[in-house]
Amino acid sequence: MSDTYAVVAVLVSAAVTWSLRALPFAALAPLRASATVRYLSTRMPAGVMVILVVYCLRDLPITESRAVAALAALAGAVFAH
């Protein structure tokens, strides 16, 4: 492999990386004034938390004693918020 090939490969990789990191900011700039994006920004955090709680507790056997720790942690988190 020649030195020129290596330099070109590094430059192409750097350009692709920079472009992929800048793309979300360029794509979201026009959406900042959107009513839909404002609505989602207020509703999504609670929705994501509900989905995570349901996912974590879905296989929890409530009748067994090992569920006490998870339910206590859930109660503590709900109380804290």
Protein backbone atom coordinates (compact mmCIF):
# COMPACT_ATOMS: atom_id res chain seq x y z
CA MET A 1 0.00 0.00 0.00
CA SER A 2 1.44 3.34 -1.00
CA ASP A 3 1.57 6.43 1.17
CA THR A 4 -0.76 8.28 -1.19
CA TYR A 5 -3.41 5.58 -0.83
CA ALA A 6 -3.21 5.77 2.96
CA VAL A 7 -3.48 9.57 2.99
CA VAL A 8 -6.48 9.49 0.64
CA ALA A 9 -8.14 6.80 2.76
CA VAL A 10 -7.68 8.88 5.91
CA LEU A 11 -9.01 12.01 4.20
CA VAL A 12 -12.05 10.18 2.84
CA SER A 13 -12.73 8.65 6.25
CA ALA A 14 -12.45 12.05 7.92
CA ALA A 15 -14.81 13.63 5.37
CA VAL A 16 -17.41 10.89 5.79
CA THR A 17 -17.17 11.08 9.59
CA TRP A 18 -17.53 14.87 9.61
CA SER A 19 -20.47 14.70 7.20
CA LEU A 20 -22.29 12.07 9.25
CA ARG A 21 -21.81 14.06 12.44
CA ALA A 22 -23.02 17.32 10.83
CA LEU A 23 -26.00 15.77 9.03
CA PRO A 24 -28.37 15.57 12.06
CA PHE A 25 -27.80 19.24 12.89
CA ALA A 26 -28.40 20.31 9.30
CA ALA A 27 -31.53 18.14 9.00
CA LEU A 28 -33.04 19.26 12.31
CA ALA A 29 -32.45 22.99 11.91
CA PRO A 30 -35.62 23.59 9.83
CA LEU A 31 -37.69 21.38 12.16
CA ARG A 32 -37.01 23.39 15.32
CA ALA A 33 -40.01 25.68 14.68
CA SER A 34 -42.33 22.75 13.95
CA ALA A 35 -45.34 22.26 16.24
CA THR A 36 -44.99 18.49 15.92
CA VAL A 37 -41.40 18.52 17.14
CA ARG A 38 -42.36 20.75 20.08
CA TYR A 39 -45.20 18.36 20.99
CA LEU A 40 -42.92 15.32 20.77
CA SER A 41 -40.23 17.00 22.86
CA THR A 42 -42.72 17.40 25.71
CA ARG A 43 -44.36 13.96 25.45
CA MET A 44 -41.52 11.64 24.48
CA PRO A 45 -39.56 11.56 27.77
CA ALA A 46 -42.52 10.21 29.74
CA GLY A 47 -43.42 7.76 26.98
CA VAL A 48 -39.90 6.41 26.81
CA MET A 49 -39.80 5.93 30.58
CA VAL A 50 -43.09 4.03 30.53
CA ILE A 51 -41.80 1.74 27.78
CA LEU A 52 -38.56 1.10 29.71
CA VAL A 53 -40.44 0.28 32.93
CA VAL A 54 -42.80 -2.10 31.15
CA TYR A 55 -39.87 -3.76 29.37
CA CYS A 56 -37.93 -4.20 32.61
CA LEU A 57 -40.85 -5.53 34.62
CA ARG A 58 -42.53 -7.68 31.97
CA ASP A 59 -40.97 -10.99 33.10
CA LEU A 60 -41.01 -10.19 36.81
CA PRO A 61 -42.89 -12.86 38.77
CA ILE A 62 -44.86 -10.71 41.23
CA THR A 63 -45.72 -13.71 43.44
CA GLU A 64 -42.08 -14.59 44.16
CA SER A 65 -39.98 -12.98 46.87
CA ARG A 66 -37.30 -11.79 44.45
CA ALA A 67 -39.78 -9.28 43.04
CA VAL A 68 -39.67 -7.25 46.26
CA ALA A 69 -36.37 -5.57 45.38
CA ALA A 70 -37.53 -4.54 41.91
CA LEU A 71 -40.88 -3.29 43.15
CA ALA A 72 -39.18 -1.36 45.96
CA ALA A 73 -36.84 0.25 43.45
CA LEU A 74 -39.81 1.14 41.25
CA ALA A 75 -41.68 2.64 44.20
CA GLY A 76 -38.58 4.65 45.19
CA ALA A 77 -38.18 5.99 41.68
CA VAL A 78 -41.85 6.95 41.44
CA PHE A 79 -41.69 8.62 44.86
CA ALA A 80 -38.53 10.53 43.90
CA HIS A 81 -40.14 11.99 40.81
